[in-house]
């Protein structure tokens, strides 16, 4: 369920183990991975905006254990 909820994708790589941040395309570039850092002061605003878009802990982690957490958030 989690992979479905997160719209996850699996890939199969070659036999030589390489960390994801070391992968390069045929041109030798590393443009497949982007790191975004959210400033601590903006975390609450981002959570609120994501929630308005229907993205929250329950939609990303749809296990039963997160249902109660989501109910508490909605009732606040």
PDB file of N, CA and C in Angstrom:
ATOM      1  N   UNK A   1       0.824  -1.199   0.000  1.00  0.00           N
ATOM      2  CA  UNK A   1       0.000   0.000   0.000  1.00  0.00           C
ATOM      3  C   UNK A   1       0.865   1.257   0.000  1.00  0.00           C
ATOM      4  N   UNK A   2       1.981   1.239   0.741  1.00  0.00           N
ATOM      5  CA  UNK A   2       2.824   2.430   0.825  1.00  0.00           C
ATOM      6  C   UNK A   2       3.409   2.775  -0.538  1.00  0.00           C
ATOM      7  N   UNK A   3       3.896   1.790  -1.268  1.00  0.00           N
ATOM      8  CA  UNK A   3       4.470   2.049  -2.591  1.00  0.00           C
ATOM      9  C   UNK A   3       3.397   2.632  -3.511  1.00  0.00           C
ATOM     10  N   UNK A   4       2.192   2.096  -3.441  1.00  0.00           N
ATOM     11  CA  UNK A   4       1.090   2.616  -4.250  1.00  0.00           C
ATOM     12  C   UNK A   4       0.757   4.051  -3.850  1.00  0.00           C
ATOM     13  N   UNK A   5       0.640   4.316  -2.549  1.00  0.00           N
ATOM     14  CA  UNK A   5       0.288   5.652  -2.066  1.00  0.00           C
ATOM     15  C   UNK A   5       1.348   6.676  -2.442  1.00  0.00           C
ATOM     16  N   UNK A   6       2.611   6.275  -2.423  1.00  0.00           N
ATOM     17  CA  UNK A   6       3.695   7.189  -2.743  1.00  0.00           C
ATOM     18  C   UNK A   6       3.994   7.214  -4.242  1.00  0.00           C
ATOM     19  N   UNK A   7       3.202   6.460  -5.011  1.00  0.00           N
ATOM     20  CA  UNK A   7       3.413   6.340  -6.444  1.00  0.00           C
ATOM     21  C   UNK A   7       4.859   5.949  -6.726  1.00  0.00           C
ATOM     22  N   UNK A   8       5.334   4.965  -5.952  1.00  0.00           N
ATOM     23  CA  UNK A   8       6.728   4.523  -6.027  1.00  0.00           C
ATOM     24  C   UNK A   8       7.057   3.823  -7.321  1.00  0.00           C
ATOM     25  N   UNK A   9       8.320   3.867  -7.657  1.00  0.00           N
ATOM     26  CA  UNK A   9       8.826   3.224  -8.861  1.00  0.00           C
ATOM     27  C   UNK A   9      10.082   2.458  -8.474  1.00  0.00           C
ATOM     28  N   UNK A  10      10.219   1.259  -8.989  1.00  0.00           N
ATOM     29  CA  UNK A  10      11.414   0.474  -8.738  1.00  0.00           C
ATOM     30  C   UNK A  10      12.232   0.405 -10.020  1.00  0.00           C
ATOM     31  N   UNK A  11      13.516   0.398  -9.866  1.00  0.00           N
ATOM     32  CA  UNK A  11      14.391   0.246 -11.027  1.00  0.00           C
ATOM     33  C   UNK A  11      15.381  -0.876 -10.753  1.00  0.00           C
ATOM     34  N   UNK A  12      15.916  -1.432 -11.812  1.00  0.00           N
ATOM     35  CA  UNK A  12      16.937  -2.459 -11.699  1.00  0.00           C
ATOM     36  C   UNK A  12      18.204  -1.881 -12.302  1.00  0.00           C
ATOM     37  N   UNK A  13      19.266  -1.906 -11.519  1.00  0.00           N
ATOM     38  CA  UNK A  13      20.540  -1.367 -11.981  1.00  0.00           C
ATOM     39  C   UNK A  13      21.490  -2.510 -12.312  1.00  0.00           C
ATOM     40  N   UNK A  14      22.623  -2.161 -12.842  1.00  0.00           N
ATOM     41  CA  UNK A  14      23.614  -3.174 -13.200  1.00  0.00           C
ATOM     42  C   UNK A  14      24.193  -3.833 -11.955  1.00  0.00           C
ATOM     43  N   UNK A  15      25.049  -4.808 -12.130  1.00  0.00           N
ATOM     44  CA  UNK A  15      25.563  -5.600 -11.013  1.00  0.00           C
ATOM     45  C   UNK A  15      26.556  -4.863 -10.134  1.00  0.00           C
ATOM     46  N   UNK A  16      27.209  -3.865 -10.663  1.00  0.00           N
ATOM     47  CA  UNK A  16      28.195  -3.131  -9.865  1.00  0.00           C
ATOM     48  C   UNK A  16      27.467  -2.196  -8.903  1.00  0.00           C
ATOM     49  N   UNK A  17      27.610  -2.392  -7.604  1.00  0.00           N
ATOM     50  CA  UNK A  17      26.884  -1.536  -6.660  1.00  0.00           C
ATOM     51  C   UNK A  17      27.440  -0.104  -6.644  1.00  0.00           C
ATOM     52  N   UNK A  18      26.556   0.846  -6.886  1.00  0.00           N
ATOM     53  CA  UNK A  18      26.927   2.264  -6.885  1.00  0.00           C
ATOM     54  C   UNK A  18      25.868   2.998  -6.075  1.00  0.00           C
ATOM     55  N   UNK A  19      26.289   3.908  -5.224  1.00  0.00           N
ATOM     56  CA  UNK A  19      25.327   4.704  -4.464  1.00  0.00           C
ATOM     57  C   UNK A  19      24.571   5.625  -5.409  1.00  0.00           C
ATOM     58  N   UNK A  20      23.332   5.929  -5.069  1.00  0.00           N
ATOM     59  CA  UNK A  20      22.493   6.734  -5.952  1.00  0.00           C
ATOM     60  C   UNK A  20      23.094   8.109  -6.215  1.00  0.00           C
ATOM     61  N   UNK A  21      23.783   8.679  -5.228  1.00  0.00           N
ATOM     62  CA  UNK A  21      24.358  10.005  -5.428  1.00  0.00           C
ATOM     63  C   UNK A  21      25.662   9.964  -6.228  1.00  0.00           C
ATOM     64  N   UNK A  22      26.118   8.765  -6.595  1.00  0.00           N
ATOM     65  CA  UNK A  22      27.314   8.637  -7.425  1.00  0.00           C
ATOM     66  C   UNK A  22      26.979   8.274  -8.871  1.00  0.00           C
ATOM     67  N   UNK A  23      25.718   8.003  -9.176  1.00  0.00           N
ATOM     68  CA  UNK A  23      25.320   7.642 -10.529  1.00  0.00           C
ATOM     69  C   UNK A  23      25.488   8.819 -11.478  1.00  0.00           C
ATOM     70  N   UNK A  24      25.892   8.521 -12.697  1.00  0.00           N
ATOM     71  CA  UNK A  24      26.058   9.554 -13.725  1.00  0.00           C
ATOM     72  C   UNK A  24      25.405   9.067 -15.008  1.00  0.00           C
ATOM     73  N   UNK A  25      24.949  10.005 -15.833  1.00  0.00           N
ATOM     74  CA  UNK A  25      24.386   9.617 -17.123  1.00  0.00           C
ATOM     75  C   UNK A  25      25.522   9.385 -18.124  1.00  0.00           C
ATOM     76  N   UNK A  26      25.189   9.110 -19.375  1.00  0.00           N
ATOM     77  CA  UNK A  26      26.203   8.814 -20.387  1.00  0.00           C
ATOM     78  C   UNK A  26      27.154   9.979 -20.639  1.00  0.00           C
ATOM     79  N   UNK A  27      26.718  11.204 -20.326  1.00  0.00           N
ATOM     80  CA  UNK A  27      27.567  12.382 -20.512  1.00  0.00           C
ATOM     81  C   UNK A  27      28.419  12.676 -19.278  1.00  0.00           C
ATOM     82  N   UNK A  28      28.331  11.828 -18.259  1.00  0.00           N
ATOM     83  CA  UNK A  28      29.108  12.026 -17.044  1.00  0.00           C
ATOM     84  C   UNK A  28      28.503  13.039 -16.082  1.00  0.00           C
ATOM     85  N   UNK A  29      27.241  13.410 -16.309  1.00  0.00           N
ATOM     86  CA  UNK A  29      26.571  14.393 -15.458  1.00  0.00           C
ATOM     87  C   UNK A  29      25.753  13.704 -14.376  1.00  0.00           C
ATOM     88  N   UNK A  30      25.553  14.404 -13.276  1.00  0.00           N
ATOM     89  CA  UNK A  30      24.721  13.908 -12.179  1.00  0.00           C
ATOM     90  C   UNK A  30      23.482  14.789 -12.055  1.00  0.00           C
ATOM     91  N   UNK A  31      22.646  14.810 -13.053  1.00  0.00           N
ATOM     92  CA  UNK A  31      21.476  15.688 -13.024  1.00  0.00           C
ATOM     93  C   UNK A  31      20.176  14.940 -12.729  1.00  0.00           C
ATOM     94  N   UNK A  32      20.261  13.733 -12.222  1.00  0.00           N
ATOM     95  CA  UNK A  32      19.075  12.934 -11.945  1.00  0.00           C
ATOM     96  C   UNK A  32      18.590  13.069 -10.505  1.00  0.00           C
ATOM     97  N   UNK A  33      19.410  13.681  -9.674  1.00  0.00           N
ATOM     98  CA  UNK A  33      19.090  13.752  -8.261  1.00  0.00           C
ATOM     99  C   UNK A  33      19.221  15.190  -7.788  1.00  0.00           C
ATOM    100  N   UNK A  34      18.182  15.675  -7.128  1.00  0.00           N
ATOM    101  CA  UNK A  34      18.195  17.050  -6.639  1.00  0.00           C
ATOM    102  C   UNK A  34      17.872  17.023  -5.149  1.00  0.00           C
ATOM    103  N   UNK A  35      18.663  17.719  -4.362  1.00  0.00           N
ATOM    104  CA  UNK A  35      18.406  17.799  -2.929  1.00  0.00           C
ATOM    105  C   UNK A  35      17.779  19.153  -2.617  1.00  0.00           C
ATOM    106  N   UNK A  36      16.638  19.113  -1.965  1.00  0.00           N
ATOM    107  CA  UNK A  36      15.959  20.331  -1.550  1.00  0.00           C
ATOM    108  C   UNK A  36      16.027  20.428  -0.033  1.00  0.00           C
ATOM    109  N   UNK A  37      16.459  21.554   0.461  1.00  0.00           N
ATOM    110  CA  UNK A  37      16.522  21.772   1.899  1.00  0.00           C
ATOM    111  C   UNK A  37      15.482  22.819   2.269  1.00  0.00           C
ATOM    112  N   UNK A  38      14.574  22.438   3.148  1.00  0.00           N
ATOM    113  CA  UNK A  38      13.524  23.350   3.588  1.00  0.00           C
ATOM    114  C   UNK A  38      13.986  23.991   4.887  1.00  0.00           C
ATOM    115  N   UNK A  39      14.060  25.309   4.927  1.00  0.00           N
ATOM    116  CA  UNK A  39      14.472  25.975   6.171  1.00  0.00           C
ATOM    117  C   UNK A  39      13.510  25.632   7.310  1.00  0.00           C
ATOM    118  N   UNK A  40      14.062  25.433   8.487  1.00  0.00           N
ATOM    119  CA  UNK A  40      13.253  25.051   9.647  1.00  0.00           C
ATOM    120  C   UNK A  40      12.072  26.004   9.846  1.00  0.00           C
ATOM    121  N   UNK A  41      12.286  27.278   9.627  1.00  0.00           N
ATOM    122  CA  UNK A  41      11.223  28.272   9.833  1.00  0.00           C
ATOM    123  C   UNK A  41      10.068  28.092   8.847  1.00  0.00           C
ATOM    124  N   UNK A  42      10.299  27.385   7.745  1.00  0.00           N
ATOM    125  CA  UNK A  42       9.265  27.224   6.725  1.00  0.00           C
ATOM    126  C   UNK A  42       8.564  25.868   6.792  1.00  0.00           C
ATOM    127  N   UNK A  43       8.983  24.986   7.687  1.00  0.00           N
ATOM    128  CA  UNK A  43       8.427  23.631   7.746  1.00  0.00           C
ATOM    129  C   UNK A  43       6.916  23.646   7.988  1.00  0.00           C
ATOM    130  N   UNK A  44       6.446  24.416   8.938  1.00  0.00           N
ATOM    131  CA  UNK A  44       5.007  24.454   9.243  1.00  0.00           C
ATOM    132  C   UNK A  44       4.210  24.939   8.041  1.00  0.00           C
ATOM    133  N   UNK A  45       4.718  25.949   7.359  1.00  0.00           N
ATOM    134  CA  UNK A  45       4.019  26.474   6.174  1.00  0.00           C
ATOM    135  C   UNK A  45       3.969  25.422   5.066  1.00  0.00           C
ATOM    136  N   UNK A  46       5.092  24.713   4.848  1.00  0.00           N
ATOM    137  CA  UNK A  46       5.116  23.663   3.829  1.00  0.00           C
ATOM    138  C   UNK A  46       4.140  22.550   4.171  1.00  0.00           C
ATOM    139  N   UNK A  47       4.120  22.137   5.440  1.00  0.00           N
ATOM    140  CA  UNK A  47       3.179  21.089   5.847  1.00  0.00           C
ATOM    141  C   UNK A  47       1.741  21.522   5.599  1.00  0.00           C
ATOM    142  N   UNK A  48       1.435  22.755   5.932  1.00  0.00           N
ATOM    143  CA  UNK A  48       0.093  23.277   5.729  1.00  0.00           C
ATOM    144  C   UNK A  48      -0.271  23.285   4.245  1.00  0.00           C
ATOM    145  N   UNK A  49       0.651  23.734   3.408  1.00  0.00           N
ATOM    146  CA  UNK A  49       0.388  23.769   1.966  1.00  0.00           C
ATOM    147  C   UNK A  49       0.230  22.364   1.393  1.00  0.00           C
ATOM    148  N   UNK A  50       1.086  21.439   1.816  1.00  0.00           N
ATOM    149  CA  UNK A  50       0.955  20.053   1.360  1.00  0.00           C
ATOM    150  C   UNK A  50      -0.370  19.458   1.812  1.00  0.00           C
ATOM    151  N   UNK A  51      -0.774  19.759   3.041  1.00  0.00           N
ATOM    152  CA  UNK A  51      -2.046  19.256   3.550  1.00  0.00           C
ATOM    153  C   UNK A  51      -3.212  19.768   2.702  1.00  0.00           C
ATOM    154  N   UNK A  52      -3.151  21.026   2.301  1.00  0.00           N
ATOM    155  CA  UNK A  52      -4.206  21.579   1.430  1.00  0.00           C
ATOM    156  C   UNK A  52      -4.230  20.873   0.075  1.00  0.00           C
ATOM    157  N   UNK A  53      -3.107  20.314  -0.339  1.00  0.00           N
ATOM    158  CA  UNK A  53      -3.027  19.564  -1.592  1.00  0.00           C
ATOM    159  C   UNK A  53      -3.396  18.087  -1.402  1.00  0.00           C
ATOM    160  N   UNK A  54      -3.738  17.728  -0.154  1.00  0.00           N
ATOM    161  CA  UNK A  54      -4.127  16.347   0.125  1.00  0.00           C
ATOM    162  C   UNK A  54      -2.948  15.426   0.379  1.00  0.00           C
ATOM    163  N   UNK A  55      -1.798  16.003   0.705  1.00  0.00           N
ATOM    164  CA  UNK A  55      -0.605  15.209   0.997  1.00  0.00           C
ATOM    165  C   UNK A  55      -0.297  15.360   2.476  1.00  0.00           C
ATOM    166  N   UNK A  56      -0.401  14.255   3.203  1.00  0.00           N
ATOM    167  CA  UNK A  56      -0.126  14.275   4.634  1.00  0.00           C
ATOM    168  C   UNK A  56       0.426  12.913   5.039  1.00  0.00           C
ATOM    169  N   UNK A  57       0.725  12.737   6.305  1.00  0.00           N
ATOM    170  CA  UNK A  57       1.339  11.501   6.771  1.00  0.00           C
ATOM    171  C   UNK A  57       0.484  10.280   6.427  1.00  0.00           C
ATOM    172  N   UNK A  58      -0.818  10.405   6.521  1.00  0.00           N
ATOM    173  CA  UNK A  58      -1.693   9.269   6.236  1.00  0.00           C
ATOM    174  C   UNK A  58      -1.709   8.918   4.753  1.00  0.00           C
ATOM    175  N   UNK A  59      -1.640   9.918   3.878  1.00  0.00           N
ATOM    176  CA  UNK A  59      -1.649   9.600   2.441  1.00  0.00           C
ATOM    177  C   UNK A  59      -0.310   9.045   1.977  1.00  0.00           C
ATOM    178  N   UNK A  60       0.765   9.407   2.665  1.00  0.00           N
ATOM    179  CA  UNK A  60       2.089   8.906   2.293  1.00  0.00           C
ATOM    180  C   UNK A  60       2.383   7.577   2.985  1.00  0.00           C
ATOM    181  N   UNK A  61       1.936   7.436   4.231  1.00  0.00           N
ATOM    182  CA  UNK A  61       2.117   6.205   5.005  1.00  0.00           C
ATOM    183  C   UNK A  61       0.740   5.714   5.437  1.00  0.00           C
ATOM    184  N   UNK A  62       0.026   4.969   4.571  1.00  0.00           N
ATOM    185  CA  UNK A  62      -1.380   4.651   4.820  1.00  0.00           C
ATOM    186  C   UNK A  62      -1.639   3.503   5.794  1.00  0.00           C
ATOM    187  N   UNK A  63      -0.710   3.227   6.689  1.00  0.00           N
ATOM    188  CA  UNK A  63      -0.941   2.160   7.654  1.00  0.00           C
ATOM    189  C   UNK A  63      -1.939   2.617   8.719  1.00  0.00           C
ATOM    190  N   UNK A  64      -2.591   1.643   9.311  1.00  0.00           N
ATOM    191  CA  UNK A  64      -3.614   1.911  10.320  1.00  0.00           C
ATOM    192  C   UNK A  64      -3.072   2.756  11.468  1.00  0.00           C
ATOM    193  N   UNK A  65      -1.813   2.560  11.834  1.00  0.00           N
ATOM    194  CA  UNK A  65      -1.241   3.292  12.976  1.00  0.00           C
ATOM    195  C   UNK A  65      -1.256   4.807  12.776  1.00  0.00           C
ATOM    196  N   UNK A  66      -1.336   5.267  11.534  1.00  0.00           N
ATOM    197  CA  UNK A  66      -1.324   6.703  11.274  1.00  0.00           C
ATOM    198  C   UNK A  66      -2.724   7.321  11.210  1.00  0.00           C
ATOM    199  N   UNK A  67      -3.738   6.491  11.239  1.00  0.00           N
ATOM    200  CA  UNK A  67      -5.111   7.002  11.178  1.00  0.00           C
ATOM    201  C   UNK A  67      -5.409   7.881  12.387  1.00  0.00           C
ATOM    202  N   UNK A  68      -5.070   7.410  13.588  1.00  0.00           N
ATOM    203  CA  UNK A  68      -5.342   8.184  14.801  1.00  0.00           C
ATOM    204  C   UNK A  68      -4.594   9.515  14.788  1.00  0.00           C
ATOM    205  N   UNK A  69      -3.345   9.500  14.321  1.00  0.00           N
ATOM    206  CA  UNK A  69      -2.579  10.747  14.233  1.00  0.00           C
ATOM    207  C   UNK A  69      -3.285  11.742  13.317  1.00  0.00           C
ATOM    208  N   UNK A  70      -3.788  11.252  12.203  1.00  0.00           N
ATOM    209  CA  UNK A  70      -4.468  12.126  11.242  1.00  0.00           C
ATOM    210  C   UNK A  70      -5.762  12.678  11.837  1.00  0.00           C
ATOM    211  N   UNK A  71      -6.504  11.854  12.551  1.00  0.00           N
ATOM    212  CA  UNK A  71      -7.751  12.313  13.177  1.00  0.00           C
ATOM    213  C   UNK A  71      -7.446  13.418  14.179  1.00  0.00           C
ATOM    214  N   UNK A  72      -6.384  13.258  14.979  1.00  0.00           N
ATOM    215  CA  UNK A  72      -6.008  14.274  15.949  1.00  0.00           C
ATOM    216  C   UNK A  72      -5.666  15.590  15.245  1.00  0.00           C
ATOM    217  N   UNK A  73      -4.939  15.496  14.136  1.00  0.00           N
ATOM    218  CA  UNK A  73      -4.568  16.714  13.395  1.00  0.00           C
ATOM    219  C   UNK A  73      -5.803  17.438  12.890  1.00  0.00           C
ATOM    220  N   UNK A  74      -6.750  16.697  12.360  1.00  0.00           N
ATOM    221  CA  UNK A  74      -7.962  17.302  11.799  1.00  0.00           C
ATOM    222  C   UNK A  74      -8.803  17.948  12.894  1.00  0.00           C
ATOM    223  N   UNK A  75      -8.828  17.343  14.076  1.00  0.00           N
ATOM    224  CA  UNK A  75      -9.644  17.864  15.170  1.00  0.00           C
ATOM    225  C   UNK A  75      -9.025  19.054  15.889  1.00  0.00           C
ATOM    226  N   UNK A  76      -7.775  19.350  15.638  1.00  0.00           N
ATOM    227  CA  UNK A  76      -7.125  20.501  16.303  1.00  0.00           C
ATOM    228  C   UNK A  76      -7.648  21.802  15.815  1.00  0.00           C
TER     229      UNK A  76
END
